N, C-alpha and C. Protein backbone atom coordinates (compact mmCIF):
# COMPACT_ATOMS: atom_id res chain seq x y z
N MET A 1 -117.92 -116.74 -103.62
CA MET A 1 -119.21 -117.37 -103.38
C MET A 1 -119.40 -118.50 -104.39
N ARG A 2 -119.82 -119.65 -103.93
CA ARG A 2 -120.04 -120.83 -104.76
C ARG A 2 -121.40 -120.74 -105.43
N PRO A 3 -121.55 -121.42 -106.57
CA PRO A 3 -122.87 -121.45 -107.20
C PRO A 3 -123.86 -122.21 -106.32
N ALA A 4 -125.13 -121.84 -106.40
CA ALA A 4 -126.16 -122.50 -105.59
C ALA A 4 -126.42 -123.91 -106.07
N VAL A 5 -126.12 -124.19 -107.33
CA VAL A 5 -126.35 -125.52 -107.90
C VAL A 5 -125.06 -125.99 -108.55
N LEU A 6 -124.69 -127.22 -108.26
CA LEU A 6 -123.50 -127.82 -108.85
C LEU A 6 -123.95 -128.84 -109.89
N PRO A 7 -123.06 -129.17 -110.84
CA PRO A 7 -123.45 -130.15 -111.86
C PRO A 7 -123.84 -131.49 -111.24
N SER A 8 -124.91 -132.06 -111.73
CA SER A 8 -125.29 -133.40 -111.33
C SER A 8 -125.68 -134.17 -112.58
N MET A 9 -125.46 -135.47 -112.54
CA MET A 9 -125.78 -136.28 -113.71
C MET A 9 -126.09 -137.71 -113.30
N SER A 10 -126.94 -138.31 -114.07
CA SER A 10 -127.25 -139.71 -113.89
C SER A 10 -126.13 -140.53 -114.52
N LEU A 11 -125.55 -141.44 -113.73
CA LEU A 11 -124.48 -142.30 -114.24
C LEU A 11 -125.05 -143.58 -114.85
N ASP A 12 -126.23 -143.95 -114.43
CA ASP A 12 -126.96 -145.11 -114.93
C ASP A 12 -128.36 -145.02 -114.34
N SER A 13 -129.09 -146.10 -114.33
CA SER A 13 -130.46 -146.06 -113.80
C SER A 13 -130.50 -145.99 -112.27
N PHE A 14 -129.37 -146.17 -111.60
CA PHE A 14 -129.36 -146.27 -110.14
C PHE A 14 -128.51 -145.22 -109.44
N HIS A 15 -127.50 -144.67 -110.09
CA HIS A 15 -126.53 -143.78 -109.44
C HIS A 15 -126.57 -142.38 -110.04
N THR A 16 -126.51 -141.39 -109.15
CA THR A 16 -126.47 -140.00 -109.58
C THR A 16 -125.26 -139.33 -108.94
N ALA A 17 -124.49 -138.60 -109.76
CA ALA A 17 -123.30 -137.92 -109.26
C ALA A 17 -123.57 -136.42 -109.17
N HIS A 18 -123.09 -135.83 -108.08
CA HIS A 18 -123.13 -134.39 -107.85
C HIS A 18 -121.67 -133.97 -107.69
N LEU A 19 -121.14 -133.23 -108.65
CA LEU A 19 -119.71 -132.98 -108.72
C LEU A 19 -119.40 -131.49 -108.69
N ASP A 20 -118.35 -131.12 -107.96
CA ASP A 20 -117.88 -129.74 -107.93
C ASP A 20 -116.50 -129.69 -108.59
N PRO A 21 -116.44 -129.30 -109.87
CA PRO A 21 -115.16 -129.27 -110.58
C PRO A 21 -114.14 -128.33 -109.94
N ALA A 22 -114.57 -127.26 -109.30
CA ALA A 22 -113.64 -126.30 -108.72
C ALA A 22 -112.81 -126.91 -107.58
N SER A 23 -113.44 -127.71 -106.74
CA SER A 23 -112.71 -128.33 -105.63
C SER A 23 -112.25 -129.74 -105.97
N GLY A 24 -112.83 -130.34 -107.01
CA GLY A 24 -112.50 -131.72 -107.33
C GLY A 24 -113.15 -132.71 -106.40
N TYR A 25 -114.22 -132.30 -105.73
CA TYR A 25 -114.91 -133.15 -104.76
C TYR A 25 -116.35 -133.34 -105.21
N GLY A 26 -116.89 -134.53 -104.98
CA GLY A 26 -118.26 -134.78 -105.33
C GLY A 26 -118.85 -135.90 -104.50
N LEU A 27 -120.13 -136.13 -104.71
CA LEU A 27 -120.85 -137.19 -104.02
C LEU A 27 -121.65 -137.98 -105.05
N VAL A 28 -121.72 -139.28 -104.83
CA VAL A 28 -122.50 -140.16 -105.69
C VAL A 28 -123.56 -140.82 -104.83
N VAL A 29 -124.81 -140.69 -105.25
CA VAL A 29 -125.92 -141.33 -104.55
C VAL A 29 -126.14 -142.71 -105.15
N CYS A 30 -126.11 -143.72 -104.29
CA CYS A 30 -126.29 -145.12 -104.68
C CYS A 30 -127.67 -145.60 -104.23
N PRO A 31 -128.16 -146.66 -104.84
CA PRO A 31 -129.47 -147.19 -104.43
C PRO A 31 -129.42 -147.83 -103.05
N ARG A 32 -130.59 -148.03 -102.49
CA ARG A 32 -130.68 -148.71 -101.20
C ARG A 32 -130.20 -150.15 -101.35
N PRO A 33 -129.30 -150.61 -100.49
CA PRO A 33 -128.79 -151.98 -100.60
C PRO A 33 -129.89 -153.03 -100.56
N GLU A 34 -130.92 -152.79 -99.79
CA GLU A 34 -131.99 -153.80 -99.66
C GLU A 34 -132.84 -153.92 -100.92
N ASP A 35 -132.66 -153.02 -101.87
CA ASP A 35 -133.40 -153.08 -103.14
C ASP A 35 -132.66 -153.86 -104.22
N ASP A 36 -131.51 -154.42 -103.89
CA ASP A 36 -130.72 -155.14 -104.88
C ASP A 36 -131.46 -156.40 -105.32
N VAL A 37 -131.20 -156.81 -106.54
CA VAL A 37 -131.81 -157.99 -107.14
C VAL A 37 -130.69 -158.86 -107.70
N LEU A 38 -130.81 -160.16 -107.50
CA LEU A 38 -129.84 -161.09 -108.08
C LEU A 38 -130.41 -161.67 -109.37
N LEU A 39 -129.64 -161.59 -110.43
CA LEU A 39 -130.01 -162.16 -111.72
C LEU A 39 -128.95 -163.17 -112.10
N ASP A 40 -129.33 -164.41 -112.22
CA ASP A 40 -128.39 -165.50 -112.50
C ASP A 40 -127.23 -165.49 -111.51
N GLY A 41 -127.53 -165.19 -110.24
CA GLY A 41 -126.52 -165.20 -109.19
C GLY A 41 -125.66 -163.95 -109.12
N SER A 42 -125.91 -162.98 -109.99
CA SER A 42 -125.12 -161.75 -109.99
C SER A 42 -125.99 -160.58 -109.52
N SER A 43 -125.36 -159.68 -108.76
CA SER A 43 -126.05 -158.52 -108.22
C SER A 43 -126.26 -157.45 -109.29
N LEU A 44 -127.49 -157.00 -109.42
CA LEU A 44 -127.80 -155.92 -110.34
C LEU A 44 -127.11 -154.63 -109.91
N HIS A 45 -127.07 -154.37 -108.60
CA HIS A 45 -126.42 -153.15 -108.10
C HIS A 45 -124.92 -153.16 -108.34
N VAL A 46 -124.28 -154.32 -108.21
CA VAL A 46 -122.84 -154.39 -108.47
C VAL A 46 -122.56 -154.10 -109.94
N ALA A 47 -123.36 -154.65 -110.83
CA ALA A 47 -123.18 -154.38 -112.26
C ALA A 47 -123.39 -152.90 -112.55
N ALA A 48 -124.42 -152.31 -111.93
CA ALA A 48 -124.68 -150.88 -112.13
C ALA A 48 -123.55 -150.04 -111.55
N TRP A 49 -123.01 -150.44 -110.38
CA TRP A 49 -121.90 -149.71 -109.76
C TRP A 49 -120.67 -149.74 -110.67
N ASP A 50 -120.38 -150.89 -111.24
CA ASP A 50 -119.25 -150.99 -112.17
C ASP A 50 -119.43 -150.03 -113.34
N HIS A 51 -120.64 -149.97 -113.88
CA HIS A 51 -120.94 -149.04 -114.98
C HIS A 51 -120.81 -147.60 -114.52
N ALA A 52 -121.31 -147.29 -113.33
CA ALA A 52 -121.22 -145.93 -112.79
C ALA A 52 -119.76 -145.52 -112.62
N CYS A 53 -118.92 -146.43 -112.13
CA CYS A 53 -117.49 -146.12 -111.96
C CYS A 53 -116.82 -145.88 -113.32
N GLN A 54 -117.20 -146.64 -114.34
CA GLN A 54 -116.66 -146.41 -115.68
C GLN A 54 -117.10 -145.05 -116.21
N SER A 55 -118.34 -144.68 -115.96
CA SER A 55 -118.84 -143.37 -116.38
C SER A 55 -118.09 -142.26 -115.66
N LEU A 56 -117.90 -142.41 -114.36
CA LEU A 56 -117.13 -141.41 -113.60
C LEU A 56 -115.71 -141.29 -114.13
N ALA A 57 -115.06 -142.44 -114.36
CA ALA A 57 -113.68 -142.44 -114.84
C ALA A 57 -113.57 -141.75 -116.19
N SER A 58 -114.56 -141.92 -117.05
CA SER A 58 -114.52 -141.27 -118.36
C SER A 58 -114.61 -139.76 -118.24
N LEU A 59 -115.12 -139.28 -117.09
CA LEU A 59 -115.21 -137.85 -116.82
C LEU A 59 -114.01 -137.35 -115.99
N GLY A 60 -113.11 -138.28 -115.64
CA GLY A 60 -111.94 -137.92 -114.84
C GLY A 60 -112.20 -137.93 -113.34
N TRP A 61 -113.16 -138.73 -112.90
CA TRP A 61 -113.52 -138.83 -111.49
C TRP A 61 -113.50 -140.28 -111.04
N GLY A 62 -113.41 -140.50 -109.74
CA GLY A 62 -113.48 -141.84 -109.20
C GLY A 62 -113.96 -141.82 -107.76
N PRO A 63 -114.48 -142.93 -107.26
CA PRO A 63 -114.92 -143.00 -105.87
C PRO A 63 -113.70 -142.96 -104.94
N VAL A 64 -113.89 -142.41 -103.76
CA VAL A 64 -112.83 -142.34 -102.75
C VAL A 64 -112.79 -143.66 -102.00
N ARG A 65 -111.59 -144.20 -101.85
CA ARG A 65 -111.38 -145.44 -101.09
C ARG A 65 -110.32 -145.19 -100.03
N ASP A 66 -110.43 -145.93 -98.93
CA ASP A 66 -109.41 -145.81 -97.89
C ASP A 66 -108.24 -146.74 -98.22
N ASP A 67 -107.26 -146.79 -97.34
CA ASP A 67 -106.06 -147.59 -97.58
C ASP A 67 -106.34 -149.09 -97.68
N ALA A 68 -107.45 -149.53 -97.10
CA ALA A 68 -107.82 -150.95 -97.16
C ALA A 68 -108.70 -151.26 -98.37
N GLY A 69 -109.00 -150.25 -99.19
CA GLY A 69 -109.81 -150.46 -100.38
C GLY A 69 -111.30 -150.31 -100.17
N PHE A 70 -111.71 -149.85 -98.99
CA PHE A 70 -113.12 -149.65 -98.71
C PHE A 70 -113.59 -148.32 -99.29
N LEU A 71 -114.81 -148.32 -99.81
CA LEU A 71 -115.41 -147.07 -100.28
C LEU A 71 -115.63 -146.13 -99.11
N SER A 72 -115.53 -144.84 -99.38
CA SER A 72 -115.78 -143.84 -98.36
C SER A 72 -117.24 -143.41 -98.43
N TYR A 73 -118.08 -144.10 -97.65
CA TYR A 73 -119.50 -143.74 -97.57
C TYR A 73 -119.64 -142.59 -96.60
N LEU A 74 -120.25 -141.52 -97.06
CA LEU A 74 -120.43 -140.36 -96.21
C LEU A 74 -121.66 -140.51 -95.33
N GLY A 75 -122.69 -141.17 -95.82
CA GLY A 75 -123.91 -141.35 -95.07
C GLY A 75 -125.01 -141.88 -95.96
N ALA A 76 -126.25 -141.56 -95.59
CA ALA A 76 -127.41 -142.06 -96.33
C ALA A 76 -128.40 -140.93 -96.58
N THR A 77 -129.23 -141.14 -97.60
CA THR A 77 -130.27 -140.17 -97.95
C THR A 77 -131.53 -140.48 -97.14
N VAL A 78 -132.50 -139.60 -97.23
CA VAL A 78 -133.75 -139.78 -96.50
C VAL A 78 -134.45 -141.08 -96.90
N ASP A 79 -134.30 -141.53 -98.13
CA ASP A 79 -134.94 -142.78 -98.55
C ASP A 79 -134.03 -144.00 -98.40
N GLY A 80 -132.85 -143.82 -97.81
CA GLY A 80 -131.97 -144.96 -97.52
C GLY A 80 -130.89 -145.23 -98.53
N GLY A 81 -130.78 -144.41 -99.57
CA GLY A 81 -129.68 -144.58 -100.52
C GLY A 81 -128.36 -144.19 -99.87
N LEU A 82 -127.30 -144.86 -100.24
CA LEU A 82 -125.99 -144.56 -99.67
C LEU A 82 -125.29 -143.49 -100.50
N VAL A 83 -124.51 -142.65 -99.83
CA VAL A 83 -123.80 -141.55 -100.49
C VAL A 83 -122.30 -141.82 -100.38
N VAL A 84 -121.65 -141.89 -101.55
CA VAL A 84 -120.22 -142.18 -101.64
C VAL A 84 -119.48 -140.91 -102.06
N GLU A 85 -118.32 -140.69 -101.46
CA GLU A 85 -117.49 -139.55 -101.86
C GLU A 85 -116.77 -139.86 -103.17
N ALA A 86 -116.53 -138.81 -103.95
CA ALA A 86 -115.80 -138.95 -105.22
C ALA A 86 -114.79 -137.81 -105.33
N ARG A 87 -113.71 -138.07 -106.07
CA ARG A 87 -112.67 -137.06 -106.31
C ARG A 87 -112.33 -137.02 -107.78
N SER A 88 -111.96 -135.84 -108.23
CA SER A 88 -111.48 -135.66 -109.60
C SER A 88 -110.03 -136.12 -109.68
N PHE A 89 -109.68 -136.79 -110.76
CA PHE A 89 -108.29 -137.20 -110.99
C PHE A 89 -107.45 -135.99 -111.39
N ARG A 90 -108.09 -134.94 -111.86
CA ARG A 90 -107.38 -133.79 -112.44
C ARG A 90 -107.19 -132.63 -111.48
N SER A 91 -107.93 -132.62 -110.38
CA SER A 91 -107.85 -131.51 -109.44
C SER A 91 -107.04 -131.90 -108.22
N PRO A 92 -106.37 -130.94 -107.62
CA PRO A 92 -105.67 -131.25 -106.38
C PRO A 92 -106.67 -131.62 -105.29
N ALA A 93 -106.29 -132.54 -104.45
CA ALA A 93 -107.18 -132.97 -103.37
C ALA A 93 -107.21 -131.89 -102.29
N GLN A 94 -108.19 -131.04 -102.38
CA GLN A 94 -108.36 -130.00 -101.36
C GLN A 94 -109.78 -130.11 -100.83
N PRO A 95 -109.94 -129.88 -99.55
CA PRO A 95 -111.30 -129.97 -99.02
C PRO A 95 -112.17 -128.84 -99.55
N PRO A 96 -113.41 -129.15 -99.92
CA PRO A 96 -114.31 -128.10 -100.39
C PRO A 96 -114.69 -127.18 -99.23
N ASP A 97 -115.08 -125.97 -99.56
CA ASP A 97 -115.50 -125.03 -98.51
C ASP A 97 -116.87 -125.44 -97.98
N GLY A 98 -117.25 -124.82 -96.88
CA GLY A 98 -118.51 -125.16 -96.22
C GLY A 98 -119.73 -124.97 -97.08
N ASP A 99 -119.75 -123.88 -97.88
CA ASP A 99 -120.90 -123.64 -98.76
C ASP A 99 -121.04 -124.75 -99.79
N THR A 100 -119.92 -125.19 -100.35
CA THR A 100 -119.95 -126.27 -101.34
C THR A 100 -120.44 -127.56 -100.70
N LEU A 101 -119.94 -127.87 -99.50
CA LEU A 101 -120.39 -129.08 -98.82
C LEU A 101 -121.89 -129.03 -98.55
N ARG A 102 -122.39 -127.91 -98.08
CA ARG A 102 -123.83 -127.79 -97.82
C ARG A 102 -124.64 -127.96 -99.11
N THR A 103 -124.14 -127.37 -100.20
CA THR A 103 -124.83 -127.51 -101.48
C THR A 103 -124.86 -128.97 -101.93
N LEU A 104 -123.73 -129.66 -101.79
CA LEU A 104 -123.67 -131.08 -102.15
C LEU A 104 -124.58 -131.91 -101.25
N TYR A 105 -124.55 -131.66 -99.95
CA TYR A 105 -125.41 -132.41 -99.03
C TYR A 105 -126.88 -132.21 -99.38
N ASP A 106 -127.25 -130.96 -99.68
CA ASP A 106 -128.64 -130.68 -100.07
C ASP A 106 -129.01 -131.38 -101.37
N ALA A 107 -128.09 -131.36 -102.35
CA ALA A 107 -128.37 -131.98 -103.66
C ALA A 107 -128.58 -133.48 -103.54
N THR A 108 -127.84 -134.12 -102.64
CA THR A 108 -127.96 -135.57 -102.49
C THR A 108 -129.09 -135.97 -101.56
N GLY A 109 -129.54 -135.05 -100.72
CA GLY A 109 -130.54 -135.41 -99.73
C GLY A 109 -129.93 -136.13 -98.54
N LEU A 110 -128.64 -135.90 -98.29
CA LEU A 110 -127.93 -136.55 -97.19
C LEU A 110 -128.56 -136.18 -95.86
N VAL A 111 -128.92 -137.19 -95.07
CA VAL A 111 -129.54 -136.92 -93.77
C VAL A 111 -128.82 -137.61 -92.62
N THR A 112 -128.07 -138.66 -92.87
CA THR A 112 -127.33 -139.33 -91.80
C THR A 112 -125.87 -139.40 -92.18
N ARG A 113 -125.03 -139.58 -91.19
CA ARG A 113 -123.60 -139.66 -91.42
C ARG A 113 -123.05 -140.95 -90.82
N ALA A 114 -121.78 -141.23 -91.13
CA ALA A 114 -121.03 -142.33 -90.53
C ALA A 114 -121.60 -143.70 -90.86
N VAL A 115 -121.73 -143.97 -92.15
CA VAL A 115 -122.13 -145.31 -92.59
C VAL A 115 -120.89 -146.20 -92.60
N ARG A 116 -121.04 -147.43 -92.17
CA ARG A 116 -119.92 -148.37 -92.13
C ARG A 116 -119.38 -148.59 -93.54
N PRO A 117 -118.06 -148.48 -93.74
CA PRO A 117 -117.50 -148.68 -95.08
C PRO A 117 -117.61 -150.12 -95.56
N ARG A 118 -117.64 -150.28 -96.88
CA ARG A 118 -117.71 -151.59 -97.50
C ARG A 118 -116.82 -151.63 -98.73
N ARG A 119 -116.37 -152.80 -99.03
CA ARG A 119 -115.66 -152.97 -100.31
C ARG A 119 -116.70 -152.92 -101.42
N GLY A 120 -116.32 -152.35 -102.55
CA GLY A 120 -117.30 -152.33 -103.65
C GLY A 120 -116.70 -151.77 -104.89
């Protein structure tokens, strides 16, 4: 039986990671794309995403990308934030069990599936 709550942490002011060390699978909640702000021509969300990826990497995790380099977006939250899959560099890539997936989906607030992938 899996724990009812899995570790979650704020990676920066915009991204929150929900990670299951046992399976090496996790989800990262990203801000709503339409809330992005450009500062001196640079995206605030892109800068925050870069920081979030550095934070994940320091913990031995990274976002899942397909063969073309696109992020693996699992879906969106009730408020429109995007949910990205993450994997541990240290754990074998095995699919999490159904209880773990449900716990992760609940923790992120995932309500929709099949978001179009994007480079990021």
